[in-house]
PDB file of N, CA and C in Angstrom:
ATOM      1  N   MET A   1       6.859 -18.184 -20.740  1.00  0.00           N
ATOM      2  CA  MET A   1       5.865 -17.195 -20.462  1.00  0.00           C
ATOM      3  C   MET A   1       5.995 -16.766 -19.055  1.00  0.00           C
ATOM      4  N   GLU A   2       5.851 -15.472 -18.892  1.00  0.00           N
ATOM      5  CA  GLU A   2       5.831 -14.853 -17.541  1.00  0.00           C
ATOM      6  C   GLU A   2       4.455 -14.361 -17.279  1.00  0.00           C
ATOM      7  N   PRO A   3       3.588 -15.186 -16.621  1.00  0.00           N
ATOM      8  CA  PRO A   3       2.199 -14.816 -16.568  1.00  0.00           C
ATOM      9  C   PRO A   3       1.834 -13.646 -15.655  1.00  0.00           C
ATOM     10  N   GLY A   4       2.648 -13.371 -14.635  1.00  0.00           N
ATOM     11  CA  GLY A   4       2.275 -12.249 -13.771  1.00  0.00           C
ATOM     12  C   GLY A   4       1.096 -12.675 -12.873  1.00  0.00           C
ATOM     13  N   PHE A   5       0.465 -11.623 -12.346  1.00  0.00           N
ATOM     14  CA  PHE A   5      -0.681 -11.888 -11.423  1.00  0.00           C
ATOM     15  C   PHE A   5      -1.931 -11.954 -12.294  1.00  0.00           C
ATOM     16  N   ILE A   6      -2.743 -12.979 -11.965  1.00  0.00           N
ATOM     17  CA  ILE A   6      -3.986 -13.195 -12.739  1.00  0.00           C
ATOM     18  C   ILE A   6      -5.153 -13.296 -11.738  1.00  0.00           C
ATOM     19  N   ASP A   7      -6.210 -12.598 -12.020  1.00  0.00           N
ATOM     20  CA  ASP A   7      -7.357 -12.602 -11.127  1.00  0.00           C
ATOM     21  C   ASP A   7      -8.015 -14.010 -11.198  1.00  0.00           C
ATOM     22  N   SER A   8      -7.589 -14.798 -10.235  1.00  0.00           N
ATOM     23  CA  SER A   8      -8.023 -16.196 -10.217  1.00  0.00           C
ATOM     24  C   SER A   8      -7.926 -16.682  -8.781  1.00  0.00           C
ATOM     25  N   PRO A   9      -8.772 -17.671  -8.406  1.00  0.00           N
ATOM     26  CA  PRO A   9      -8.642 -18.258  -7.080  1.00  0.00           C
ATOM     27  C   PRO A   9      -7.600 -19.324  -7.002  1.00  0.00           C
ATOM     28  N   SER A  10      -6.827 -19.456  -8.020  1.00  0.00           N
ATOM     29  CA  SER A  10      -5.828 -20.542  -8.074  1.00  0.00           C
ATOM     30  C   SER A  10      -4.796 -20.479  -6.924  1.00  0.00           C
ATOM     31  N   PHE A  11      -4.562 -19.289  -6.373  1.00  0.00           N
ATOM     32  CA  PHE A  11      -3.647 -19.138  -5.264  1.00  0.00           C
ATOM     33  C   PHE A  11      -4.069 -20.060  -4.121  1.00  0.00           C
ATOM     34  N   HIS A  12      -5.318 -20.305  -3.952  1.00  0.00           N
ATOM     35  CA  HIS A  12      -5.745 -21.165  -2.831  1.00  0.00           C
ATOM     36  C   HIS A  12      -5.436 -22.612  -3.061  1.00  0.00           C
ATOM     37  N   ASN A  13      -5.044 -22.978  -4.271  1.00  0.00           N
ATOM     38  CA  ASN A  13      -4.723 -24.356  -4.612  1.00  0.00           C
ATOM     39  C   ASN A  13      -3.219 -24.630  -4.449  1.00  0.00           C
ATOM     40  N   THR A  14      -2.470 -23.694  -3.899  1.00  0.00           N
ATOM     41  CA  THR A  14      -1.055 -23.895  -3.761  1.00  0.00           C
ATOM     42  C   THR A  14      -0.781 -24.977  -2.750  1.00  0.00           C
ATOM     43  N   ARG A  15       0.163 -25.836  -3.091  1.00  0.00           N
ATOM     44  CA  ARG A  15       0.533 -26.964  -2.183  1.00  0.00           C
ATOM     45  C   ARG A  15       1.961 -26.684  -1.766  1.00  0.00           C
ATOM     46  N   TYR A  16       2.216 -26.812  -0.451  1.00  0.00           N
ATOM     47  CA  TYR A  16       3.512 -26.628   0.064  1.00  0.00           C
ATOM     48  C   TYR A  16       4.242 -27.966   0.117  1.00  0.00           C
ATOM     49  N   THR A  17       5.565 -27.887  -0.086  1.00  0.00           N
ATOM     50  CA  THR A  17       6.403 -29.059   0.125  1.00  0.00           C
ATOM     51  C   THR A  17       6.561 -29.160   1.630  1.00  0.00           C
ATOM     52  N   LEU A  18       7.092 -30.294   2.084  1.00  0.00           N
ATOM     53  CA  LEU A  18       7.368 -30.473   3.527  1.00  0.00           C
ATOM     54  C   LEU A  18       8.258 -29.379   4.017  1.00  0.00           C
ATOM     55  N   ASP A  19       9.287 -29.001   3.248  1.00  0.00           N
ATOM     56  CA  ASP A  19      10.280 -28.013   3.670  1.00  0.00           C
ATOM     57  C   ASP A  19       9.591 -26.645   3.797  1.00  0.00           C
ATOM     58  N   SER A  20       8.767 -26.306   2.793  1.00  0.00           N
ATOM     59  CA  SER A  20       8.125 -24.956   2.831  1.00  0.00           C
ATOM     60  C   SER A  20       7.100 -24.935   3.934  1.00  0.00           C
ATOM     61  N   GLN A  21       6.403 -26.023   4.202  1.00  0.00           N
ATOM     62  CA  GLN A  21       5.440 -26.051   5.301  1.00  0.00           C
ATOM     63  C   GLN A  21       6.162 -25.884   6.629  1.00  0.00           C
ATOM     64  N   ASN A  22       7.337 -26.506   6.775  1.00  0.00           N
ATOM     65  CA  ASN A  22       8.149 -26.397   8.009  1.00  0.00           C
ATOM     66  C   ASN A  22       8.556 -24.921   8.170  1.00  0.00           C
ATOM     67  N   SER A  23       8.963 -24.262   7.057  1.00  0.00           N
ATOM     68  CA  SER A  23       9.392 -22.883   7.100  1.00  0.00           C
ATOM     69  C   SER A  23       8.220 -21.996   7.547  1.00  0.00           C
ATOM     70  N   THR A  24       7.033 -22.287   7.058  1.00  0.00           N
ATOM     71  CA  THR A  24       5.856 -21.560   7.452  1.00  0.00           C
ATOM     72  C   THR A  24       5.526 -21.663   8.932  1.00  0.00           C
ATOM     73  N   ASP A  25       5.698 -22.904   9.413  1.00  0.00           N
ATOM     74  CA  ASP A  25       5.323 -23.205  10.818  1.00  0.00           C
ATOM     75  C   ASP A  25       6.351 -22.784  11.856  1.00  0.00           C
ATOM     76  N   ARG A  26       7.604 -22.684  11.482  1.00  0.00           N
ATOM     77  CA  ARG A  26       8.629 -22.357  12.447  1.00  0.00           C
ATOM     78  C   ARG A  26       9.091 -20.892  12.330  1.00  0.00           C
ATOM     79  N   GLU A  27       8.861 -20.103  13.305  1.00  0.00           N
ATOM     80  CA  GLU A  27       9.244 -18.694  13.243  1.00  0.00           C
ATOM     81  C   GLU A  27      10.728 -18.460  13.134  1.00  0.00           C
ATOM     82  N   ARG A  28      11.520 -19.384  13.613  1.00  0.00           N
ATOM     83  CA  ARG A  28      13.019 -19.202  13.559  1.00  0.00           C
ATOM     84  C   ARG A  28      13.633 -19.685  12.228  1.00  0.00           C
ATOM     85  N   ASP A  29      12.794 -20.309  11.408  1.00  0.00           N
ATOM     86  CA  ASP A  29      13.338 -20.766  10.116  1.00  0.00           C
ATOM     87  C   ASP A  29      13.696 -19.572   9.257  1.00  0.00           C
ATOM     88  N   PRO A  30      14.841 -19.645   8.541  1.00  0.00           N
ATOM     89  CA  PRO A  30      15.280 -18.484   7.697  1.00  0.00           C
ATOM     90  C   PRO A  30      14.259 -18.093   6.621  1.00  0.00           C
ATOM     91  N   TYR A  31      13.417 -19.020   6.167  1.00  0.00           N
ATOM     92  CA  TYR A  31      12.458 -18.675   5.169  1.00  0.00           C
ATOM     93  C   TYR A  31      11.036 -18.312   5.695  1.00  0.00           C
ATOM     94  N   HIS A  32      10.904 -18.354   6.999  1.00  0.00           N
ATOM     95  CA  HIS A  32       9.597 -18.093   7.572  1.00  0.00           C
ATOM     96  C   HIS A  32       9.005 -16.715   7.207  1.00  0.00           C
ATOM     97  N   ALA A  33       9.846 -15.697   7.311  1.00  0.00           N
ATOM     98  CA  ALA A  33       9.373 -14.353   6.971  1.00  0.00           C
ATOM     99  C   ALA A  33       8.938 -14.209   5.498  1.00  0.00           C
ATOM    100  N   HIS A  34       9.664 -14.922   4.617  1.00  0.00           N
ATOM    101  CA  HIS A  34       9.303 -14.912   3.193  1.00  0.00           C
ATOM    102  C   HIS A  34       7.856 -15.462   3.039  1.00  0.00           C
ATOM    103  N   TYR A  35       7.653 -16.658   3.561  1.00  0.00           N
ATOM    104  CA  TYR A  35       6.306 -17.241   3.415  1.00  0.00           C
ATOM    105  C   TYR A  35       5.220 -16.378   4.138  1.00  0.00           C
ATOM    106  N   GLU A  36       5.573 -15.866   5.309  1.00  0.00           N
ATOM    107  CA  GLU A  36       4.583 -15.142   6.106  1.00  0.00           C
ATOM    108  C   GLU A  36       4.166 -13.814   5.340  1.00  0.00           C
ATOM    109  N   LYS A  37       5.160 -13.186   4.713  1.00  0.00           N
ATOM    110  CA  LYS A  37       4.871 -11.922   4.045  1.00  0.00           C
ATOM    111  C   LYS A  37       4.378 -12.104   2.607  1.00  0.00           C
ATOM    112  N   MET A  38       4.958 -13.028   1.904  1.00  0.00           N
ATOM    113  CA  MET A  38       4.619 -13.203   0.431  1.00  0.00           C
ATOM    114  C   MET A  38       3.251 -13.777   0.191  1.00  0.00           C
ATOM    115  N   ALA A  39       2.810 -14.698   1.010  1.00  0.00           N
ATOM    116  CA  ALA A  39       1.519 -15.329   0.750  1.00  0.00           C
ATOM    117  C   ALA A  39       0.368 -14.290   0.720  1.00  0.00           C
ATOM    118  N   PRO A  40       0.258 -13.400   1.766  1.00  0.00           N
ATOM    119  CA  PRO A  40      -0.806 -12.392   1.698  1.00  0.00           C
ATOM    120  C   PRO A  40      -0.601 -11.391   0.536  1.00  0.00           C
ATOM    121  N   PHE A  41       0.676 -11.056   0.282  1.00  0.00           N
ATOM    122  CA  PHE A  41       1.012 -10.113  -0.806  1.00  0.00           C
ATOM    123  C   PHE A  41       0.520 -10.671  -2.140  1.00  0.00           C
ATOM    124  N   ILE A  42       0.807 -11.935  -2.398  1.00  0.00           N
ATOM    125  CA  ILE A  42       0.455 -12.555  -3.709  1.00  0.00           C
ATOM    126  C   ILE A  42      -1.076 -12.655  -3.763  1.00  0.00           C
ATOM    127  N   GLU A  43      -1.710 -13.038  -2.723  1.00  0.00           N
ATOM    128  CA  GLU A  43      -3.155 -13.187  -2.695  1.00  0.00           C
ATOM    129  C   GLU A  43      -3.849 -11.783  -3.021  1.00  0.00           C
ATOM    130  N   ARG A  44      -3.364 -10.767  -2.366  1.00  0.00           N
ATOM    131  CA  ARG A  44      -3.911  -9.404  -2.676  1.00  0.00           C
ATOM    132  C   ARG A  44      -3.638  -9.009  -4.136  1.00  0.00           C
ATOM    133  N   ALA A  45      -2.443  -9.264  -4.631  1.00  0.00           N
ATOM    134  CA  ALA A  45      -2.111  -8.899  -6.005  1.00  0.00           C
ATOM    135  C   ALA A  45      -2.987  -9.665  -6.967  1.00  0.00           C
ATOM    136  N   MET A  46      -3.276 -10.896  -6.720  1.00  0.00           N
ATOM    137  CA  MET A  46      -4.130 -11.662  -7.637  1.00  0.00           C
ATOM    138  C   MET A  46      -5.574 -11.182  -7.563  1.00  0.00           C
ATOM    139  N   ARG A  47      -6.076 -10.804  -6.394  1.00  0.00           N
ATOM    140  CA  ARG A  47      -7.437 -10.303  -6.324  1.00  0.00           C
ATOM    141  C   ARG A  47      -7.573  -8.982  -7.061  1.00  0.00           C
ATOM    142  N   ARG A  48      -6.494  -8.138  -7.081  1.00  0.00           N
ATOM    143  CA  ARG A  48      -6.558  -6.846  -7.703  1.00  0.00           C
ATOM    144  C   ARG A  48      -6.156  -6.877  -9.178  1.00  0.00           C
ATOM    145  N   ALA A  49      -5.657  -8.001  -9.630  1.00  0.00           N
ATOM    146  CA  ALA A  49      -5.178  -8.011 -11.038  1.00  0.00           C
ATOM    147  C   ALA A  49      -6.271  -7.809 -12.056  1.00  0.00           C
ATOM    148  N   ARG A  50      -5.900  -7.204 -13.117  1.00  0.00           N
ATOM    149  CA  ARG A  50      -6.896  -6.950 -14.221  1.00  0.00           C
ATOM    150  C   ARG A  50      -6.833  -8.077 -15.218  1.00  0.00           C
ATOM    151  N   ALA A  51      -5.705  -8.852 -15.244  1.00  0.00           N
ATOM    152  CA  ALA A  51      -5.604  -9.946 -16.165  1.00  0.00           C
ATOM    153  C   ALA A  51      -6.516 -11.126 -15.742  1.00  0.00           C
ATOM    154  N   THR A  52      -7.134 -11.739 -16.703  1.00  0.00           N
ATOM    155  CA  THR A  52      -7.999 -12.863 -16.447  1.00  0.00           C
ATOM    156  C   THR A  52      -7.364 -14.116 -16.995  1.00  0.00           C
ATOM    157  N   PRO A  53      -7.745 -15.311 -16.531  1.00  0.00           N
ATOM    158  CA  PRO A  53      -7.222 -16.551 -17.106  1.00  0.00           C
ATOM    159  C   PRO A  53      -7.456 -16.592 -18.624  1.00  0.00           C
ATOM    160  N   GLU A  54      -8.572 -16.149 -19.088  1.00  0.00           N
ATOM    161  CA  GLU A  54      -8.873 -16.205 -20.500  1.00  0.00           C
ATOM    162  C   GLU A  54      -7.934 -15.333 -21.343  1.00  0.00           C
ATOM    163  N   LYS A  55      -7.751 -14.049 -20.870  1.00  0.00           N
ATOM    164  CA  LYS A  55      -6.849 -13.121 -21.545  1.00  0.00           C
ATOM    165  C   LYS A  55      -5.425 -13.664 -21.607  1.00  0.00           C
ATOM    166  N   THR A  56      -5.019 -14.218 -20.489  1.00  0.00           N
ATOM    167  CA  THR A  56      -3.671 -14.776 -20.369  1.00  0.00           C
ATOM    168  C   THR A  56      -3.495 -15.995 -21.234  1.00  0.00           C
ATOM    169  N   ALA A  57      -4.472 -16.878 -21.292  1.00  0.00           N
ATOM    170  CA  ALA A  57      -4.440 -18.024 -22.186  1.00  0.00           C
ATOM    171  C   ALA A  57      -4.365 -17.634 -23.625  1.00  0.00           C
ATOM    172  N   LYS A  58      -5.118 -16.621 -24.021  1.00  0.00           N
ATOM    173  CA  LYS A  58      -5.070 -16.101 -25.393  1.00  0.00           C
ATOM    174  C   LYS A  58      -3.660 -15.570 -25.750  1.00  0.00           C
ATOM    175  N   ARG A  59      -3.112 -14.859 -24.818  1.00  0.00           N
ATOM    176  CA  ARG A  59      -1.742 -14.291 -25.008  1.00  0.00           C
ATOM    177  C   ARG A  59      -0.730 -15.462 -25.185  1.00  0.00           C
ATOM    178  N   ILE A  60      -0.841 -16.469 -24.396  1.00  0.00           N
ATOM    179  CA  ILE A  60       0.039 -17.619 -24.502  1.00  0.00           C
ATOM    180  C   ILE A  60      -0.177 -18.325 -25.803  1.00  0.00           C
ATOM    181  N   TYR A  61      -1.420 -18.535 -26.188  1.00  0.00           N
ATOM    182  CA  TYR A  61      -1.758 -19.203 -27.450  1.00  0.00           C
ATOM    183  C   TYR A  61      -1.204 -18.411 -28.673  1.00  0.00           C
ATOM    184  N   ASP A  62      -1.366 -17.094 -28.628  1.00  0.00           N
ATOM    185  CA  ASP A  62      -0.842 -16.223 -29.715  1.00  0.00           C
ATOM    186  C   ASP A  62       0.699 -16.334 -29.847  1.00  0.00           C
ATOM    187  N   VAL A  63       1.359 -16.413 -28.720  1.00  0.00           N
ATOM    188  CA  VAL A  63       2.832 -16.489 -28.705  1.00  0.00           C
ATOM    189  C   VAL A  63       3.313 -17.865 -29.234  1.00  0.00           C
ATOM    190  N   ILE A  64       2.658 -18.934 -28.755  1.00  0.00           N
ATOM    191  CA  ILE A  64       3.172 -20.281 -29.217  1.00  0.00           C
ATOM    192  C   ILE A  64       2.829 -20.573 -30.659  1.00  0.00           C
ATOM    193  N   ARG A  65       1.946 -19.787 -31.244  1.00  0.00           N
ATOM    194  CA  ARG A  65       1.630 -19.983 -32.694  1.00  0.00           C
ATOM    195  C   ARG A  65       2.633 -19.254 -33.569  1.00  0.00           C
ATOM    196  N   ARG A  66       3.458 -18.395 -32.998  1.00  0.00           N
ATOM    197  CA  ARG A  66       4.480 -17.657 -33.796  1.00  0.00           C
ATOM    198  C   ARG A  66       5.515 -18.655 -34.348  1.00  0.00           C
ATOM    199  N   LYS A  67       6.088 -18.246 -35.452  1.00  0.00           N
ATOM    200  CA  LYS A  67       7.125 -19.115 -36.053  1.00  0.00           C
ATOM    201  C   LYS A  67       8.370 -19.139 -35.206  1.00  0.00           C
ATOM    202  N   ASN A  68       8.770 -17.998 -34.723  1.00  0.00           N
ATOM    203  CA  ASN A  68       9.917 -17.881 -33.867  1.00  0.00           C
ATOM    204  C   ASN A  68       9.586 -17.088 -32.587  1.00  0.00           C
ATOM    205  N   PRO A  69       8.972 -17.766 -31.609  1.00  0.00           N
ATOM    206  CA  PRO A  69       8.530 -17.010 -30.431  1.00  0.00           C
ATOM    207  C   PRO A  69       9.756 -16.626 -29.611  1.00  0.00           C
ATOM    208  N   PRO A  70       9.666 -15.466 -28.924  1.00  0.00           N
ATOM    209  CA  PRO A  70      10.742 -15.020 -28.082  1.00  0.00           C
ATOM    210  C   PRO A  70      10.960 -15.993 -26.921  1.00  0.00           C
ATOM    211  N   LEU A  71      12.148 -15.891 -26.281  1.00  0.00           N
ATOM    212  CA  LEU A  71      12.471 -16.746 -25.136  1.00  0.00           C
ATOM    213  C   LEU A  71      11.599 -16.390 -23.928  1.00  0.00           C
ATOM    214  N   ARG A  72      11.437 -15.096 -23.668  1.00  0.00           N
ATOM    215  CA  ARG A  72      10.643 -14.667 -22.522  1.00  0.00           C
ATOM    216  C   ARG A  72       9.551 -13.697 -22.995  1.00  0.00           C
ATOM    217  N   VAL A  73       8.303 -13.968 -22.524  1.00  0.00           N
ATOM    218  CA  VAL A  73       7.230 -13.131 -22.892  1.00  0.00           C
ATOM    219  C   VAL A  73       6.407 -12.829 -21.698  1.00  0.00           C
ATOM    220  N   PRO A  74       6.358 -11.530 -21.281  1.00  0.00           N
ATOM    221  CA  PRO A  74       5.459 -11.209 -20.162  1.00  0.00           C
ATOM    222  C   PRO A  74       4.015 -11.228 -20.702  1.00  0.00           C
ATOM    223  N   ALA A  75       3.193 -11.951 -20.034  1.00  0.00           N
ATOM    224  CA  ALA A  75       1.800 -12.172 -20.496  1.00  0.00           C
ATOM    225  C   ALA A  75       0.823 -11.123 -19.923  1.00  0.00           C
ATOM    226  N   THR A  76       1.238 -10.441 -18.834  1.00  0.00           N
ATOM    227  CA  THR A  76       0.341  -9.423 -18.237  1.00  0.00           C
ATOM    228  C   THR A  76       1.135  -8.119 -18.051  1.00  0.00           C
ATOM    229  N   THR A  77       0.400  -7.083 -17.765  1.00  0.00           N
ATOM    230  CA  THR A  77       1.058  -5.783 -17.566  1.00  0.00           C
ATOM    231  C   THR A  77       2.007  -5.776 -16.419  1.00  0.00           C
ATOM    232  N   ASP A  78       1.646  -6.340 -15.288  1.00  0.00           N
ATOM    233  CA  ASP A  78       2.551  -6.393 -14.156  1.00  0.00           C
ATOM    234  C   ASP A  78       3.763  -7.236 -14.412  1.00  0.00           C
ATOM    235  N   ALA A  79       3.649  -8.321 -15.195  1.00  0.00           N
ATOM    236  CA  ALA A  79       4.812  -9.130 -15.509  1.00  0.00           C
ATOM    237  C   ALA A  79       5.773  -8.347 -16.378  1.00  0.00           C
ATOM    238  N   HIS A  80       5.231  -7.549 -17.276  1.00  0.00           N
ATOM    239  CA  HIS A  80       6.073  -6.709 -18.166  1.00  0.00           C
ATOM    240  C   HIS A  80       6.800  -5.662 -17.299  1.00  0.00           C
ATOM    241  N   MET A  81       6.086  -5.060 -16.353  1.00  0.00           N
ATOM    242  CA  MET A  81       6.683  -4.094 -15.478  1.00  0.00           C
ATOM    243  C   MET A  81       7.838  -4.681 -14.655  1.00  0.00           C
ATOM    244  N   PHE A  82       7.625  -5.823 -14.052  1.00  0.00           N
ATOM    245  CA  PHE A  82       8.653  -6.449 -13.231  1.00  0.00           C
ATOM    246  C   PHE A  82       9.888  -6.884 -14.075  1.00  0.00           C
ATOM    247  N   SER A  83       9.567  -7.376 -15.247  1.00  0.00           N
ATOM    248  CA  SER A  83      10.661  -7.759 -16.192  1.00  0.00           C
ATOM    249  C   SER A  83      11.531  -6.542 -16.512  1.00  0.00           C
ATOM    250  N   LEU A  84      10.863  -5.434 -16.789  1.00  0.00           N
ATOM    251  CA  LEU A  84      11.573  -4.250 -17.148  1.00  0.00           C
ATOM    252  C   LEU A  84      12.335  -3.691 -16.002  1.00  0.00           C
ATOM    253  N   LEU A  85      11.790  -3.687 -14.821  1.00  0.00           N
ATOM    254  CA  LEU A  85      12.490  -3.241 -13.639  1.00  0.00           C
ATOM    255  C   LEU A  85      13.689  -4.142 -13.317  1.00  0.00           C
ATOM    256  N   ARG A  86      13.585  -5.449 -13.477  1.00  0.00           N
ATOM    257  CA  ARG A  86      14.731  -6.323 -13.243  1.00  0.00           C
ATOM    258  C   ARG A  86      15.881  -6.074 -14.163  1.00  0.00           C
ATOM    259  N   ARG A  87      15.554  -5.679 -15.366  1.00  0.00           N
ATOM    260  CA  ARG A  87      16.646  -5.344 -16.351  1.00  0.00           C
ATOM    261  C   ARG A  87      17.272  -4.044 -16.099  1.00  0.00           C
ATOM    262  N   LEU A  88      16.467  -3.020 -15.664  1.00  0.00           N
ATOM    263  CA  LEU A  88      16.964  -1.666 -15.557  1.00  0.00           C
ATOM    264  C   LEU A  88      17.536  -1.285 -14.227  1.00  0.00           C
ATOM    265  N   LEU A  89      16.998  -1.864 -13.170  1.00  0.00           N
ATOM    266  CA  LEU A  89      17.454  -1.487 -11.833  1.00  0.00           C
ATOM    267  C   LEU A  89      18.571  -2.395 -11.312  1.00  0.00           C
ATOM    268  N   PRO A  90      19.505  -1.816 -10.533  1.00  0.00           N
ATOM    269  CA  PRO A  90      20.456  -2.652  -9.816  1.00  0.00           C
ATOM    270  C   PRO A  90      19.672  -3.488  -8.803  1.00  0.00           C
ATOM    271  N   ARG A  91      20.210  -4.685  -8.516  1.00  0.00           N
ATOM    272  CA  ARG A  91      19.572  -5.640  -7.627  1.00  0.00           C
ATOM    273  C   ARG A  91      19.158  -4.971  -6.299  1.00  0.00           C
ATOM    274  N   SER A  92      20.050  -4.173  -5.751  1.00  0.00           N
ATOM    275  CA  SER A  92      19.790  -3.516  -4.465  1.00  0.00           C
ATOM    276  C   SER A  92      18.520  -2.637  -4.527  1.00  0.00           C
ATOM    277  N   LEU A  93      18.257  -2.011  -5.661  1.00  0.00           N
ATOM    278  CA  LEU A  93      17.067  -1.196  -5.817  1.00  0.00           C
ATOM    279  C   LEU A  93      15.862  -2.008  -6.158  1.00  0.00           C
ATOM    280  N   TYR A  94      16.062  -3.076  -6.930  1.00  0.00           N
ATOM    281  CA  TYR A  94      14.922  -3.904  -7.271  1.00  0.00           C
ATOM    282  C   TYR A  94      14.339  -4.585  -6.049  1.00  0.00           C
ATOM    283  N   HIS A  95      15.171  -4.951  -5.106  1.00  0.00           N
ATOM    284  CA  HIS A  95      14.688  -5.616  -3.904  1.00  0.00           C
ATOM    285  C   HIS A  95      14.525  -4.596  -2.753  1.00  0.00           C
ATOM    286  N   TRP A  96      14.250  -3.371  -3.009  1.00  0.00           N
ATOM    287  CA  TRP A  96      14.054  -2.375  -1.959  1.00  0.00           C
ATOM    288  C   TRP A  96      12.778  -2.654  -1.192  1.00  0.00           C
ATOM    289  N   GLU A  97      12.707  -2.129  -0.007  1.00  0.00           N
ATOM    290  CA  GLU A  97      11.656  -2.394   0.906  1.00  0.00           C
ATOM    291  C   GLU A  97      10.231  -2.193   0.317  1.00  0.00           C
ATOM    292  N   GLY A  98      10.037  -1.210  -0.507  1.00  0.00           N
ATOM    293  CA  GLY A  98       8.756  -0.922  -1.057  1.00  0.00           C
ATOM    294  C   GLY A  98       8.279  -1.877  -2.134  1.00  0.00           C
ATOM    295  N   MET A  99       9.210  -2.555  -2.761  1.00  0.00           N
ATOM    296  CA  MET A  99       8.884  -3.479  -3.841  1.00  0.00           C
ATOM    297  C   MET A  99       8.224  -4.777  -3.334  1.00  0.00           C
ATOM    298  N   LEU A 100       8.841  -5.404  -2.349  1.00  0.00           N
ATOM    299  CA  LEU A 100       8.344  -6.623  -1.797  1.00  0.00           C
ATOM    300  C   LEU A 100       8.163  -6.384  -0.245  1.00  0.00           C
ATOM    301  N   PRO A 101       7.129  -7.033   0.341  1.00  0.00           N
ATOM    302  CA  PRO A 101       6.837  -6.755   1.708  1.00  0.00           C
ATOM    303  C   PRO A 101       7.892  -7.234   2.711  1.00  0.00           C
ATOM    304  N   ASP A 102       8.416  -6.311   3.445  1.00  0.00           N
ATOM    305  CA  ASP A 102       9.364  -6.646   4.499  1.00  0.00           C
ATOM    306  C   ASP A 102      10.538  -7.527   4.025  1.00  0.00           C
ATOM    307  N   VAL A 103      11.011  -7.236   2.831  1.00  0.00           N
ATOM    308  CA  VAL A 103      12.041  -8.059   2.182  1.00  0.00           C
ATOM    309  C   VAL A 103      13.323  -8.119   3.008  1.00  0.00           C
ATOM    310  N   ARG A 104      13.640  -7.091   3.749  1.00  0.00           N
ATOM    311  CA  ARG A 104      14.870  -7.111   4.509  1.00  0.00           C
ATOM    312  C   ARG A 104      14.915  -8.111   5.644  1.00  0.00           C
ATOM    313  N   SER A 105      13.745  -8.611   6.027  1.00  0.00           N
ATOM    314  CA  SER A 105      13.661  -9.639   7.093  1.00  0.00           C
ATOM    315  C   SER A 105      13.747 -11.036   6.571  1.00  0.00           C
ATOM    316  N   TRP A 106      13.814 -11.219   5.253  1.00  0.00           N
ATOM    317  CA  TRP A 106      13.793 -12.531   4.683  1.00  0.00           C
ATOM    318  C   TRP A 106      15.226 -13.179   4.859  1.00  0.00           C
ATOM    319  N   GLY A 107      15.220 -14.424   5.235  1.00  0.00           N
ATOM    320  CA  GLY A 107      16.404 -15.201   5.242  1.00  0.00           C
ATOM    321  C   GLY A 107      17.495 -14.775   6.198  1.00  0.00           C
ATOM    322  N   PRO A 108      17.183 -14.376   7.431  1.00  0.00           N
ATOM    323  CA  PRO A 108      18.186 -14.035   8.370  1.00  0.00           C
ATOM    324  C   PRO A 108      19.044 -15.322   8.659  1.00  0.00           C
ATOM    325  N   THR A 109      20.263 -15.070   9.061  1.00  0.00           N
ATOM    326  CA  THR A 109      21.178 -16.168   9.362  1.00  0.00           C
ATOM    327  C   THR A 109      20.823 -16.740  10.758  1.00  0.00           C
ATOM    328  N   LEU A 110      20.082 -17.721  10.741  1.00  0.00           N
ATOM    329  CA  LEU A 110      19.651 -18.448  11.982  1.00  0.00           C
ATOM    330  C   LEU A 110      19.917 -19.900  11.846  1.00  0.00           C
ATOM    331  N   ASP A 111      20.117 -20.538  12.943  1.00  0.00           N
ATOM    332  CA  ASP A 111      20.272 -21.995  12.957  1.00  0.00           C
ATOM    333  C   ASP A 111      18.914 -22.597  12.891  1.00  0.00           C
ATOM    334  N   VAL A 112      18.542 -23.195  11.704  1.00  0.00           N
ATOM    335  CA  VAL A 112      17.189 -23.697  11.526  1.00  0.00           C
ATOM    336  C   VAL A 112      17.004 -25.026  12.342  1.00  0.00           C
ATOM    337  N   PHE A 113      18.087 -25.584  12.880  1.00  0.00           N
ATOM    338  CA  PHE A 113      17.918 -26.808  13.632  1.00  0.00           C
ATOM    339  C   PHE A 113      17.715 -26.563  15.126  1.00  0.00           C
ATOM    340  N   ASP A 114      17.729 -25.301  15.495  1.00  0.00           N
ATOM    341  CA  ASP A 114      17.461 -24.982  16.901  1.00  0.00           C
ATOM    342  C   ASP A 114      15.946 -25.337  17.158  1.00  0.00           C
ATOM    343  N   THR A 115      15.724 -25.885  18.274  1.00  0.00           N
ATOM    344  CA  THR A 115      14.349 -26.194  18.639  1.00  0.00           C
ATOM    345  C   THR A 115      13.624 -24.922  19.040  1.00  0.00           C
ATOM    346  N   PRO A 116      12.378 -24.712  18.584  1.00  0.00           N
ATOM    347  CA  PRO A 116      11.642 -23.512  18.900  1.00  0.00           C
ATOM    348  C   PRO A 116      11.268 -23.424  20.318  1.00  0.00           C
TER     349      PRO A 116
END
């Protein structure tokens, strides 16, 4: 199941691994920009989502009751849109600047062991 964004406060329950927390805390870490930009992006998307936990759970329940469920099932409208875009667009266009926040700054080649 590809749930997409769901209007739920569950985003606030995200737990970071030690590595992801280090990336968040260290500006020179190659993944710092990803965490810095994506966390607010995902939070906004979840607040604006029209899908609810109940609707999404019903969609999942309906799919798992099928005799031969498909391998991938987008459960929300935005998940369907992203799935379609991933299949239709070349990777360079799918990851264009407007799709994800400041995506070009993610993962610069920096020495993560440099002291800040």
